[in-house]
């Protein structure tokens, strides 16, 4: 597995492309597809992505293109695009990149409308392609700068998964192999919604006790949903579940956390979104998680409260009051 193609020129796609390029400089260029011509020109001419990772110098053997067909000879394709656009990109791959190169999903979320996980979306469009999930507690800028990080690489095919781990892993980026594709995706999706809730708690200045309680009870919600869909408890307690939840609910770089803080401080969702270039996936995922939970009769009061605030016109104070008025229960 020598040539890696990365689809998505944002911060995470660029970080993964830099990781791949620095890993194997003697075996062909890693190729990054980006829609934005400014990003492509910047990477090729200056070895930087000034728009999304301005302080990171990228490997010289990382090349960028805006022609998706240029990725036709890649041995694997990494999809680092927003979860809600994944189906569109899968359709473009079907038309432009025939073949059987495995697909590595680096998106986190649940598709609105269908309630499907990213792997299920790809299976709808590209049923013959093997799929792996790369997820975990990783901020793009830190990975791109070579700071230590660990992640989950989940793949039903153990041989393919091991090959991807060897190709993408390096001393400062440690992918841990898993066969629990469902659990890896559930953790990555739910944690973004919980991070918005955590941000609201911080923006309302409700204290560290409240934030710790929310993270813990949020993990219980993540576990209930994951186990009902066939995930393993160990996965939900690992890097792609608990690990990603802790990072996103405590790290100041988290887009979802900062969005929640702004909401808690009194800004409207429209005001917060208007000033952003990057996507806070939890905004879309909250709606999809609520639909998924109701379909499977899973109790997820925190996630459902976030959806109510974001998409149903509910007031933050009313939702906080409702959550705090819930009956006392046995912790299980």
C-alpha atoms as a PDB file:
ATOM      1  CA  UNK A   1       0.000   0.000   0.000  1.00  0.00           C
ATOM      2  CA  UNK A   2       2.133   2.846  -1.324  1.00  0.00           C
ATOM      3  CA  UNK A   3       0.024   5.603  -2.851  1.00  0.00           C
ATOM      4  CA  UNK A   4      -2.578   7.218  -0.612  1.00  0.00           C
ATOM      5  CA  UNK A   5      -5.172   9.649  -1.911  1.00  0.00           C
ATOM      6  CA  UNK A   6      -6.890  11.997   0.530  1.00  0.00           C
ATOM      7  CA  UNK A   7     -10.204  13.609  -0.409  1.00  0.00           C
ATOM      8  CA  UNK A   8     -10.842  16.816   1.520  1.00  0.00           C
ATOM      9  CA  UNK A   9      -8.630  19.893   1.784  1.00  0.00           C
ATOM     10  CA  UNK A  10      -9.711  21.073   5.225  1.00  0.00           C
ATOM     11  CA  UNK A  11      -7.615  20.855   8.369  1.00  0.00           C
ATOM     12  CA  UNK A  12      -8.156  17.141   9.026  1.00  0.00           C
ATOM     13  CA  UNK A  13      -7.691  16.060   5.421  1.00  0.00           C
ATOM     14  CA  UNK A  14      -4.495  18.095   5.189  1.00  0.00           C
ATOM     15  CA  UNK A  15      -3.197  16.680   8.475  1.00  0.00           C
ATOM     16  CA  UNK A  16      -3.806  13.088   7.326  1.00  0.00           C
ATOM     17  CA  UNK A  17      -2.208  13.783   3.958  1.00  0.00           C
ATOM     18  CA  UNK A  18       0.838  15.263   5.701  1.00  0.00           C
ATOM     19  CA  UNK A  19       0.993  12.193   7.929  1.00  0.00           C
ATOM     20  CA  UNK A  20       0.911   9.863   4.928  1.00  0.00           C
ATOM     21  CA  UNK A  21       3.472  11.870   2.974  1.00  0.00           C
ATOM     22  CA  UNK A  22       5.943  12.094   5.838  1.00  0.00           C
ATOM     23  CA  UNK A  23       5.557   8.383   6.472  1.00  0.00           C
ATOM     24  CA  UNK A  24       6.746   7.164   3.092  1.00  0.00           C
ATOM     25  CA  UNK A  25       8.678   9.849   1.225  1.00  0.00           C
ATOM     26  CA  UNK A  26      10.400   7.379  -1.075  1.00  0.00           C
ATOM     27  CA  UNK A  27       7.327   5.621  -2.459  1.00  0.00           C
ATOM     28  CA  UNK A  28       5.480   8.214  -4.527  1.00  0.00           C
ATOM     29  CA  UNK A  29       3.643  11.375  -3.647  1.00  0.00           C
ATOM     30  CA  UNK A  30       0.643  11.418  -1.408  1.00  0.00           C
ATOM     31  CA  UNK A  31      -2.079  13.208  -3.343  1.00  0.00           C
ATOM     32  CA  UNK A  32      -4.617  15.505  -1.685  1.00  0.00           C
ATOM     33  CA  UNK A  33      -7.800  16.495  -3.494  1.00  0.00           C
ATOM     34  CA  UNK A  34      -9.271  19.871  -2.522  1.00  0.00           C
ATOM     35  CA  UNK A  35     -12.151  21.782  -4.081  1.00  0.00           C
ATOM     36  CA  UNK A  36     -10.623  25.153  -3.213  1.00  0.00           C
ATOM     37  CA  UNK A  37      -8.116  26.253  -5.874  1.00  0.00           C
ATOM     38  CA  UNK A  38      -6.421  28.551  -3.373  1.00  0.00           C
ATOM     39  CA  UNK A  39      -5.702  25.587  -1.102  1.00  0.00           C
ATOM     40  CA  UNK A  40      -4.324  23.528  -4.004  1.00  0.00           C
ATOM     41  CA  UNK A  41      -2.029  26.308  -5.193  1.00  0.00           C
ATOM     42  CA  UNK A  42      -0.854  27.075  -1.665  1.00  0.00           C
ATOM     43  CA  UNK A  43       0.093  23.444  -0.936  1.00  0.00           C
ATOM     44  CA  UNK A  44       1.889  22.946  -4.243  1.00  0.00           C
ATOM     45  CA  UNK A  45       3.754  26.261  -4.254  1.00  0.00           C
ATOM     46  CA  UNK A  46       4.353  27.020  -0.574  1.00  0.00           C
ATOM     47  CA  UNK A  47       3.918  23.613   1.140  1.00  0.00           C
ATOM     48  CA  UNK A  48       1.265  25.156   3.397  1.00  0.00           C
ATOM     49  CA  UNK A  49      -2.490  25.215   3.768  1.00  0.00           C
ATOM     50  CA  UNK A  50      -2.755  28.812   4.938  1.00  0.00           C
ATOM     51  CA  UNK A  51      -6.545  28.715   4.976  1.00  0.00           C
ATOM     52  CA  UNK A  52      -6.908  25.805   7.424  1.00  0.00           C
ATOM     53  CA  UNK A  53      -3.478  25.016   8.941  1.00  0.00           C
ATOM     54  CA  UNK A  54      -1.562  28.297   8.646  1.00  0.00           C
ATOM     55  CA  UNK A  55       1.230  27.460  11.088  1.00  0.00           C
ATOM     56  CA  UNK A  56       2.162  24.022   9.710  1.00  0.00           C
ATOM     57  CA  UNK A  57       4.825  23.380   7.088  1.00  0.00           C
ATOM     58  CA  UNK A  58       3.751  20.431   4.946  1.00  0.00           C
ATOM     59  CA  UNK A  59       6.030  17.725   3.474  1.00  0.00           C
ATOM     60  CA  UNK A  60       7.499  18.618   0.101  1.00  0.00           C
ATOM     61  CA  UNK A  61       6.295  15.355  -1.424  1.00  0.00           C
ATOM     62  CA  UNK A  62       2.665  16.131  -0.600  1.00  0.00           C
ATOM     63  CA  UNK A  63       0.930  17.245  -3.785  1.00  0.00           C
ATOM     64  CA  UNK A  64      -2.542  18.707  -4.195  1.00  0.00           C
ATOM     65  CA  UNK A  65      -5.040  18.640  -7.051  1.00  0.00           C
ATOM     66  CA  UNK A  66      -8.589  19.747  -7.804  1.00  0.00           C
ATOM     67  CA  UNK A  67      -9.028  16.927 -10.347  1.00  0.00           C
ATOM     68  CA  UNK A  68     -10.581  13.924  -8.644  1.00  0.00           C
ATOM     69  CA  UNK A  69      -9.569  11.652 -11.525  1.00  0.00           C
ATOM     70  CA  UNK A  70      -5.912  12.238 -10.611  1.00  0.00           C
ATOM     71  CA  UNK A  71      -6.458   9.859  -7.644  1.00  0.00           C
ATOM     72  CA  UNK A  72      -7.240   6.892  -9.934  1.00  0.00           C
ATOM     73  CA  UNK A  73      -3.989   5.009  -9.218  1.00  0.00           C
ATOM     74  CA  UNK A  74      -4.075   5.350  -5.432  1.00  0.00           C
ATOM     75  CA  UNK A  75      -3.961   2.169  -3.359  1.00  0.00           C
ATOM     76  CA  UNK A  76      -6.352   3.579  -0.757  1.00  0.00           C
ATOM     77  CA  UNK A  77      -8.568   6.645  -0.476  1.00  0.00           C
ATOM     78  CA  UNK A  78      -9.064   8.577   2.751  1.00  0.00           C
ATOM     79  CA  UNK A  79     -12.345  10.495   2.904  1.00  0.00           C
ATOM     80  CA  UNK A  80     -11.889  13.517   5.160  1.00  0.00           C
ATOM     81  CA  UNK A  81     -15.081  15.353   4.231  1.00  0.00           C
ATOM     82  CA  UNK A  82     -18.114  16.409   6.321  1.00  0.00           C
ATOM     83  CA  UNK A  83     -20.375  13.478   7.143  1.00  0.00           C
ATOM     84  CA  UNK A  84     -23.402  15.075   5.492  1.00  0.00           C
ATOM     85  CA  UNK A  85     -21.552  15.294   2.134  1.00  0.00           C
ATOM     86  CA  UNK A  86     -20.256  11.730   2.209  1.00  0.00           C
ATOM     87  CA  UNK A  87     -22.964  10.304  -0.037  1.00  0.00           C
ATOM     88  CA  UNK A  88     -22.271  12.953  -2.687  1.00  0.00           C
ATOM     89  CA  UNK A  89     -18.548  12.191  -2.624  1.00  0.00           C
ATOM     90  CA  UNK A  90     -19.243   8.449  -2.807  1.00  0.00           C
ATOM     91  CA  UNK A  91     -21.289   9.051  -5.957  1.00  0.00           C
ATOM     92  CA  UNK A  92     -18.422  11.056  -7.450  1.00  0.00           C
ATOM     93  CA  UNK A  93     -15.986   8.239  -6.621  1.00  0.00           C
ATOM     94  CA  UNK A  94     -18.321   5.743  -8.298  1.00  0.00           C
ATOM     95  CA  UNK A  95     -18.348   7.847 -11.489  1.00  0.00           C
ATOM     96  CA  UNK A  96     -14.740   9.059 -11.535  1.00  0.00           C
ATOM     97  CA  UNK A  97     -12.613   6.475  -9.708  1.00  0.00           C
ATOM     98  CA  UNK A  98     -13.604   2.935 -10.747  1.00  0.00           C
ATOM     99  CA  UNK A  99     -11.783   0.106  -9.089  1.00  0.00           C
ATOM    100  CA  UNK A 100     -11.562  -1.553  -5.704  1.00  0.00           C
ATOM    101  CA  UNK A 101      -9.251   0.701  -3.697  1.00  0.00           C
ATOM    102  CA  UNK A 102     -10.328   0.567  -0.038  1.00  0.00           C
ATOM    103  CA  UNK A 103     -11.980   3.614   1.488  1.00  0.00           C
ATOM    104  CA  UNK A 104     -10.906   5.005   4.866  1.00  0.00           C
ATOM    105  CA  UNK A 105     -13.630   7.150   6.417  1.00  0.00           C
ATOM    106  CA  UNK A 106     -12.287  10.041   8.476  1.00  0.00           C
ATOM    107  CA  UNK A 107     -15.690  11.709   8.902  1.00  0.00           C
ATOM    108  CA  UNK A 108     -17.745  11.631  12.100  1.00  0.00           C
ATOM    109  CA  UNK A 109     -21.516  11.831  12.122  1.00  0.00           C
ATOM    110  CA  UNK A 110     -24.837  10.296  11.163  1.00  0.00           C
ATOM    111  CA  UNK A 111     -26.610  11.108   7.909  1.00  0.00           C
ATOM    112  CA  UNK A 112     -29.670  13.292   8.395  1.00  0.00           C
ATOM    113  CA  UNK A 113     -32.801  11.734   6.968  1.00  0.00           C
ATOM    114  CA  UNK A 114     -31.585   8.169   6.608  1.00  0.00           C
ATOM    115  CA  UNK A 115     -30.075   7.869  10.097  1.00  0.00           C
ATOM    116  CA  UNK A 116     -27.220   5.861   8.566  1.00  0.00           C
ATOM    117  CA  UNK A 117     -23.639   5.731   9.776  1.00  0.00           C
ATOM    118  CA  UNK A 118     -20.894   6.770   7.315  1.00  0.00           C
ATOM    119  CA  UNK A 119     -19.955   3.159   6.525  1.00  0.00           C
ATOM    120  CA  UNK A 120     -23.581   2.350   5.712  1.00  0.00           C
ATOM    121  CA  UNK A 121     -23.766   5.368   3.403  1.00  0.00           C
ATOM    122  CA  UNK A 122     -20.727   4.165   1.465  1.00  0.00           C
ATOM    123  CA  UNK A 123     -22.142   0.648   1.267  1.00  0.00           C
ATOM    124  CA  UNK A 124     -25.277   2.065  -0.364  1.00  0.00           C
ATOM    125  CA  UNK A 125     -23.263   3.665  -3.159  1.00  0.00           C
ATOM    126  CA  UNK A 126     -20.101   1.539  -3.343  1.00  0.00           C
ATOM    127  CA  UNK A 127     -21.101  -1.902  -2.014  1.00  0.00           C
ATOM    128  CA  UNK A 128     -18.017  -3.677  -3.388  1.00  0.00           C
ATOM    129  CA  UNK A 129     -15.448  -1.406  -1.729  1.00  0.00           C
ATOM    130  CA  UNK A 130     -13.810  -2.464   1.545  1.00  0.00           C
ATOM    131  CA  UNK A 131     -14.197   0.208   4.215  1.00  0.00           C
ATOM    132  CA  UNK A 132     -12.227   1.202   7.310  1.00  0.00           C
ATOM    133  CA  UNK A 133     -12.931   3.868   9.932  1.00  0.00           C
ATOM    134  CA  UNK A 134     -10.214   6.173  11.248  1.00  0.00           C
ATOM    135  CA  UNK A 135     -11.399   8.006  14.342  1.00  0.00           C
ATOM    136  CA  UNK A 136     -10.395   8.998  17.860  1.00  0.00           C
ATOM    137  CA  UNK A 137      -9.186  11.885  20.026  1.00  0.00           C
ATOM    138  CA  UNK A 138      -7.245  13.872  17.446  1.00  0.00           C
ATOM    139  CA  UNK A 139      -7.059  17.592  16.758  1.00  0.00           C
ATOM    140  CA  UNK A 140      -5.831  18.165  13.207  1.00  0.00           C
ATOM    141  CA  UNK A 141      -3.254  20.840  13.998  1.00  0.00           C
ATOM    142  CA  UNK A 142      -1.525  18.672  16.600  1.00  0.00           C
ATOM    143  CA  UNK A 143      -1.368  15.651  14.293  1.00  0.00           C
ATOM    144  CA  UNK A 144      -0.003  17.806  11.476  1.00  0.00           C
ATOM    145  CA  UNK A 145       2.699  19.223  13.759  1.00  0.00           C
ATOM    146  CA  UNK A 146       3.809  15.743  14.804  1.00  0.00           C
ATOM    147  CA  UNK A 147       2.601  15.892  18.395  1.00  0.00           C
ATOM    148  CA  UNK A 148       1.787  12.494  19.968  1.00  0.00           C
ATOM    149  CA  UNK A 149      -1.677  11.100  19.294  1.00  0.00           C
ATOM    150  CA  UNK A 150      -3.501   7.773  19.194  1.00  0.00           C
ATOM    151  CA  UNK A 151      -6.562   6.743  17.216  1.00  0.00           C
ATOM    152  CA  UNK A 152      -8.792   3.786  16.395  1.00  0.00           C
ATOM    153  CA  UNK A 153      -8.652   2.181  12.961  1.00  0.00           C
ATOM    154  CA  UNK A 154     -11.663  -0.102  12.688  1.00  0.00           C
ATOM    155  CA  UNK A 155     -11.967  -2.560   9.823  1.00  0.00           C
ATOM    156  CA  UNK A 156     -13.866  -5.803   9.368  1.00  0.00           C
ATOM    157  CA  UNK A 157     -10.999  -7.145   7.234  1.00  0.00           C
ATOM    158  CA  UNK A 158      -8.111  -7.756   9.640  1.00  0.00           C
ATOM    159  CA  UNK A 159      -5.512  -7.988   6.864  1.00  0.00           C
ATOM    160  CA  UNK A 160      -6.554  -4.692   5.297  1.00  0.00           C
ATOM    161  CA  UNK A 161      -6.767  -3.055   8.702  1.00  0.00           C
ATOM    162  CA  UNK A 162      -3.233  -4.165   9.598  1.00  0.00           C
ATOM    163  CA  UNK A 163      -1.906  -2.832   6.277  1.00  0.00           C
ATOM    164  CA  UNK A 164      -3.543   0.550   6.871  1.00  0.00           C
ATOM    165  CA  UNK A 165      -2.150   0.725  10.402  1.00  0.00           C
ATOM    166  CA  UNK A 166       1.364   0.114   9.075  1.00  0.00           C
ATOM    167  CA  UNK A 167       0.928   2.652   6.276  1.00  0.00           C
ATOM    168  CA  UNK A 168      -0.540   5.475   8.367  1.00  0.00           C
ATOM    169  CA  UNK A 169       1.055   4.801  11.735  1.00  0.00           C
ATOM    170  CA  UNK A 170       4.279   6.336  12.945  1.00  0.00           C
ATOM    171  CA  UNK A 171       5.873   6.940  16.360  1.00  0.00           C
ATOM    172  CA  UNK A 172       3.826  10.071  17.033  1.00  0.00           C
ATOM    173  CA  UNK A 173       0.583   8.730  15.525  1.00  0.00           C
ATOM    174  CA  UNK A 174      -0.519   5.373  16.895  1.00  0.00           C
ATOM    175  CA  UNK A 175      -3.554   3.721  15.243  1.00  0.00           C
ATOM    176  CA  UNK A 176      -5.003   0.873  17.336  1.00  0.00           C
ATOM    177  CA  UNK A 177      -6.689  -1.813  15.223  1.00  0.00           C
ATOM    178  CA  UNK A 178     -10.294  -2.823  15.938  1.00  0.00           C
ATOM    179  CA  UNK A 179     -12.905  -4.927  14.186  1.00  0.00           C
ATOM    180  CA  UNK A 180     -15.792  -2.978  15.743  1.00  0.00           C
ATOM    181  CA  UNK A 181     -16.750  -0.709  12.851  1.00  0.00           C
ATOM    182  CA  UNK A 182     -20.119   0.197  14.381  1.00  0.00           C
ATOM    183  CA  UNK A 183     -18.741   1.159  17.792  1.00  0.00           C
ATOM    184  CA  UNK A 184     -16.020   3.341  16.283  1.00  0.00           C
ATOM    185  CA  UNK A 185     -18.606   5.294  14.300  1.00  0.00           C
ATOM    186  CA  UNK A 186     -21.072   5.711  17.157  1.00  0.00           C
ATOM    187  CA  UNK A 187     -18.441   7.181  19.465  1.00  0.00           C
ATOM    188  CA  UNK A 188     -17.259   9.679  16.873  1.00  0.00           C
ATOM    189  CA  UNK A 189     -20.790  10.869  16.142  1.00  0.00           C
ATOM    190  CA  UNK A 190     -22.307  11.144  19.619  1.00  0.00           C
ATOM    191  CA  UNK A 191     -19.330  12.888  21.210  1.00  0.00           C
ATOM    192  CA  UNK A 192     -19.825  15.954  18.986  1.00  0.00           C
ATOM    193  CA  UNK A 193     -23.382  16.422  20.246  1.00  0.00           C
ATOM    194  CA  UNK A 194     -22.260  15.998  23.847  1.00  0.00           C
ATOM    195  CA  UNK A 195     -19.481  18.546  23.292  1.00  0.00           C
ATOM    196  CA  UNK A 196     -22.086  21.164  22.359  1.00  0.00           C
ATOM    197  CA  UNK A 197     -23.925  20.358  25.592  1.00  0.00           C
ATOM    198  CA  UNK A 198     -20.660  20.683  27.517  1.00  0.00           C
ATOM    199  CA  UNK A 199     -20.012  24.033  25.894  1.00  0.00           C
ATOM    200  CA  UNK A 200     -23.451  25.276  26.920  1.00  0.00           C
ATOM    201  CA  UNK A 201     -22.679  24.279  30.516  1.00  0.00           C
ATOM    202  CA  UNK A 202     -19.401  26.209  30.336  1.00  0.00           C
ATOM    203  CA  UNK A 203     -20.990  29.215  28.651  1.00  0.00           C
ATOM    204  CA  UNK A 204     -23.646  29.320  31.373  1.00  0.00           C
ATOM    205  CA  UNK A 205     -20.863  29.053  34.008  1.00  0.00           C
ATOM    206  CA  UNK A 206     -22.535  26.091  35.708  1.00  0.00           C
ATOM    207  CA  UNK A 207     -19.226  24.786  37.072  1.00  0.00           C
ATOM    208  CA  UNK A 208     -16.812  21.899  36.714  1.00  0.00           C
ATOM    209  CA  UNK A 209     -19.057  19.530  38.685  1.00  0.00           C
ATOM    210  CA  UNK A 210     -21.798  19.954  36.099  1.00  0.00           C
ATOM    211  CA  UNK A 211     -19.374  19.414  33.219  1.00  0.00           C
ATOM    212  CA  UNK A 212     -17.998  16.196  34.765  1.00  0.00           C
ATOM    213  CA  UNK A 213     -21.530  14.925  35.372  1.00  0.00           C
ATOM    214  CA  UNK A 214     -22.524  15.716  31.795  1.00  0.00           C
ATOM    215  CA  UNK A 215     -19.506  13.928  30.304  1.00  0.00           C
ATOM    216  CA  UNK A 216     -20.192  10.841  32.421  1.00  0.00           C
ATOM    217  CA  UNK A 217     -23.916  10.686  31.775  1.00  0.00           C
ATOM    218  CA  UNK A 218     -23.252  11.478  28.124  1.00  0.00           C
ATOM    219  CA  UNK A 219     -20.987   8.441  27.962  1.00  0.00           C
ATOM    220  CA  UNK A 220     -23.900   6.397  29.323  1.00  0.00           C
ATOM    221  CA  UNK A 221     -26.074   7.678  26.459  1.00  0.00           C
ATOM    222  CA  UNK A 222     -23.364   6.854  23.911  1.00  0.00           C
ATOM    223  CA  UNK A 223     -23.075   3.348  25.363  1.00  0.00           C
ATOM    224  CA  UNK A 224     -26.816   2.690  25.314  1.00  0.00           C
ATOM    225  CA  UNK A 225     -27.076   3.630  21.657  1.00  0.00           C
ATOM    226  CA  UNK A 226     -23.900   1.821  20.640  1.00  0.00           C
ATOM    227  CA  UNK A 227     -24.751  -1.435  22.409  1.00  0.00           C
ATOM    228  CA  UNK A 228     -28.241  -1.420  20.930  1.00  0.00           C
ATOM    229  CA  UNK A 229     -26.699  -1.224  17.445  1.00  0.00           C
ATOM    230  CA  UNK A 230     -24.210  -4.033  18.082  1.00  0.00           C
ATOM    231  CA  UNK A 231     -21.128  -2.125  19.228  1.00  0.00           C
ATOM    232  CA  UNK A 232     -18.712  -3.548  21.765  1.00  0.00           C
ATOM    233  CA  UNK A 233     -18.544  -1.940  25.195  1.00  0.00           C
ATOM    234  CA  UNK A 234     -14.727  -2.011  25.033  1.00  0.00           C
ATOM    235  CA  UNK A 235     -14.809   0.160  21.910  1.00  0.00           C
ATOM    236  CA  UNK A 236     -17.053   2.736  23.559  1.00  0.00           C
ATOM    237  CA  UNK A 237     -14.684   2.859  26.535  1.00  0.00           C
ATOM    238  CA  UNK A 238     -11.670   3.196  24.236  1.00  0.00           C
ATOM    239  CA  UNK A 239     -10.094   5.862  22.055  1.00  0.00           C
ATOM    240  CA  UNK A 240     -13.014   6.254  19.652  1.00  0.00           C
ATOM    241  CA  UNK A 241     -15.557   6.573  22.470  1.00  0.00           C
ATOM    242  CA  UNK A 242     -14.419   7.808  25.862  1.00  0.00           C
ATOM    243  CA  UNK A 243     -11.108   9.150  24.523  1.00  0.00           C
ATOM    244  CA  UNK A 244     -12.715  11.281  21.821  1.00  0.00           C
ATOM    245  CA  UNK A 245     -15.446  12.409  24.211  1.00  0.00           C
ATOM    246  CA  UNK A 246     -12.946  13.681  26.781  1.00  0.00           C
ATOM    247  CA  UNK A 247     -10.913  15.563  24.166  1.00  0.00           C
ATOM    248  CA  UNK A 248     -13.903  17.184  22.507  1.00  0.00           C
ATOM    249  CA  UNK A 249     -15.515  18.187  25.804  1.00  0.00           C
ATOM    250  CA  UNK A 250     -12.357  19.696  27.307  1.00  0.00           C
ATOM    251  CA  UNK A 251     -10.081  20.840  24.469  1.00  0.00           C
ATOM    252  CA  UNK A 252     -10.337  24.530  23.557  1.00  0.00           C
ATOM    253  CA  UNK A 253      -9.671  23.659  19.884  1.00  0.00           C
ATOM    254  CA  UNK A 254     -12.979  21.770  19.687  1.00  0.00           C
ATOM    255  CA  UNK A 255     -15.353  23.455  17.230  1.00  0.00           C
ATOM    256  CA  UNK A 256     -18.377  21.832  18.852  1.00  0.00           C
ATOM    257  CA  UNK A 257     -17.330  22.875  22.352  1.00  0.00           C
ATOM    258  CA  UNK A 258     -16.728  26.472  21.294  1.00  0.00           C
ATOM    259  CA  UNK A 259     -20.093  26.565  19.528  1.00  0.00           C
ATOM    260  CA  UNK A 260     -21.803  25.370  22.700  1.00  0.00           C
ATOM    261  CA  UNK A 261     -19.974  27.974  24.772  1.00  0.00           C
ATOM    262  CA  UNK A 262     -21.202  30.715  22.444  1.00  0.00           C
ATOM    263  CA  UNK A 263     -24.768  29.402  22.705  1.00  0.00           C
ATOM    264  CA  UNK A 264     -24.490  29.262  26.477  1.00  0.00           C
ATOM    265  CA  UNK A 265     -23.311  32.865  26.534  1.00  0.00           C
ATOM    266  CA  UNK A 266     -26.471  33.933  24.732  1.00  0.00           C
ATOM    267  CA  UNK A 267     -25.626  33.966  21.021  1.00  0.00           C
ATOM    268  CA  UNK A 268     -28.026  32.444  18.510  1.00  0.00           C
ATOM    269  CA  UNK A 269     -27.032  29.494  16.351  1.00  0.00           C
ATOM    270  CA  UNK A 270     -27.249  31.685  13.242  1.00  0.00           C
ATOM    271  CA  UNK A 271     -24.851  34.210  14.774  1.00  0.00           C
ATOM    272  CA  UNK A 272     -22.332  31.533  15.691  1.00  0.00           C
ATOM    273  CA  UNK A 273     -22.463  29.764  12.325  1.00  0.00           C
ATOM    274  CA  UNK A 274     -22.199  33.012  10.346  1.00  0.00           C
ATOM    275  CA  UNK A 275     -18.671  33.653  11.598  1.00  0.00           C
ATOM    276  CA  UNK A 276     -17.273  30.187  10.868  1.00  0.00           C
ATOM    277  CA  UNK A 277     -15.421  28.667   7.947  1.00  0.00           C
ATOM    278  CA  UNK A 278     -15.286  25.125   9.347  1.00  0.00           C
ATOM    279  CA  UNK A 279     -18.144  22.752  10.133  1.00  0.00           C
ATOM    280  CA  UNK A 280     -19.236  21.871  13.666  1.00  0.00           C
ATOM    281  CA  UNK A 281     -20.534  18.389  12.880  1.00  0.00           C
ATOM    282  CA  UNK A 282     -22.528  18.160  16.105  1.00  0.00           C
ATOM    283  CA  UNK A 283     -25.089  20.659  14.799  1.00  0.00           C
ATOM    284  CA  UNK A 284     -26.183  18.271  12.052  1.00  0.00           C
ATOM    285  CA  UNK A 285     -25.537  15.096  14.012  1.00  0.00           C
ATOM    286  CA  UNK A 286     -27.794  16.170  16.901  1.00  0.00           C
ATOM    287  CA  UNK A 287     -30.815  15.938  14.644  1.00  0.00           C
ATOM    288  CA  UNK A 288     -29.765  12.589  13.184  1.00  0.00           C
ATOM    289  CA  UNK A 289     -28.918  11.105  16.599  1.00  0.00           C
ATOM    290  CA  UNK A 290     -32.316  12.135  17.948  1.00  0.00           C
ATOM    291  CA  UNK A 291     -34.014  10.386  15.022  1.00  0.00           C
ATOM    292  CA  UNK A 292     -31.830   7.292  15.439  1.00  0.00           C
ATOM    293  CA  UNK A 293     -32.434   7.102  19.198  1.00  0.00           C
ATOM    294  CA  UNK A 294     -36.197   7.380  18.819  1.00  0.00           C
ATOM    295  CA  UNK A 295     -36.225   4.719  16.095  1.00  0.00           C
ATOM    296  CA  UNK A 296     -34.432   2.289  18.426  1.00  0.00           C
ATOM    297  CA  UNK A 297     -36.276   3.414  21.574  1.00  0.00           C
ATOM    298  CA  UNK A 298     -33.048   4.514  23.277  1.00  0.00           C
ATOM    299  CA  UNK A 299     -33.194   7.101  26.045  1.00  0.00           C
ATOM    300  CA  UNK A 300     -30.718   9.915  25.271  1.00  0.00           C
ATOM    301  CA  UNK A 301     -32.004  12.981  27.152  1.00  0.00           C
ATOM    302  CA  UNK A 302     -28.836  15.101  26.820  1.00  0.00           C
ATOM    303  CA  UNK A 303     -28.534  14.580  23.067  1.00  0.00           C
ATOM    304  CA  UNK A 304     -32.251  15.143  22.612  1.00  0.00           C
ATOM    305  CA  UNK A 305     -32.032  18.384  24.619  1.00  0.00           C
ATOM    306  CA  UNK A 306     -29.230  19.624  22.366  1.00  0.00           C
ATOM    307  CA  UNK A 307     -31.326  18.832  19.292  1.00  0.00           C
ATOM    308  CA  UNK A 308     -34.281  20.676  20.811  1.00  0.00           C
ATOM    309  CA  UNK A 309     -32.165  23.794  21.411  1.00  0.00           C
ATOM    310  CA  UNK A 310     -30.540  23.715  17.968  1.00  0.00           C
ATOM    311  CA  UNK A 311     -33.445  22.689  15.768  1.00  0.00           C
ATOM    312  CA  UNK A 312     -36.743  22.884  17.643  1.00  0.00           C
ATOM    313  CA  UNK A 313     -36.683  26.368  19.123  1.00  0.00           C
ATOM    314  CA  UNK A 314     -36.326  25.220  22.739  1.00  0.00           C
ATOM    315  CA  UNK A 315     -34.792  27.604  25.255  1.00  0.00           C
ATOM    316  CA  UNK A 316     -31.586  26.631  27.042  1.00  0.00           C
ATOM    317  CA  UNK A 317     -32.994  27.398  30.494  1.00  0.00           C
ATOM    318  CA  UNK A 318     -36.073  25.262  29.847  1.00  0.00           C
ATOM    319  CA  UNK A 319     -33.927  22.332  28.711  1.00  0.00           C
ATOM    320  CA  UNK A 320     -31.600  22.638  31.727  1.00  0.00           C
ATOM    321  CA  UNK A 321     -34.577  22.708  34.056  1.00  0.00           C
ATOM    322  CA  UNK A 322     -36.081  19.642  32.388  1.00  0.00           C
ATOM    323  CA  UNK A 323     -32.818  17.682  32.617  1.00  0.00           C
ATOM    324  CA  UNK A 324     -32.322  18.546  36.294  1.00  0.00           C
ATOM    325  CA  UNK A 325     -35.919  17.595  37.085  1.00  0.00           C
ATOM    326  CA  UNK A 326     -35.549  14.061  35.784  1.00  0.00           C
ATOM    327  CA  UNK A 327     -36.253  11.304  38.342  1.00  0.00           C
ATOM    328  CA  UNK A 328     -33.364   9.982  40.449  1.00  0.00           C
ATOM    329  CA  UNK A 329     -32.152   6.613  39.154  1.00  0.00           C
ATOM    330  CA  UNK A 330     -29.795   3.756  39.866  1.00  0.00           C
ATOM    331  CA  UNK A 331     -26.458   4.205  38.080  1.00  0.00           C
ATOM    332  CA  UNK A 332     -25.879   1.225  35.781  1.00  0.00           C
END
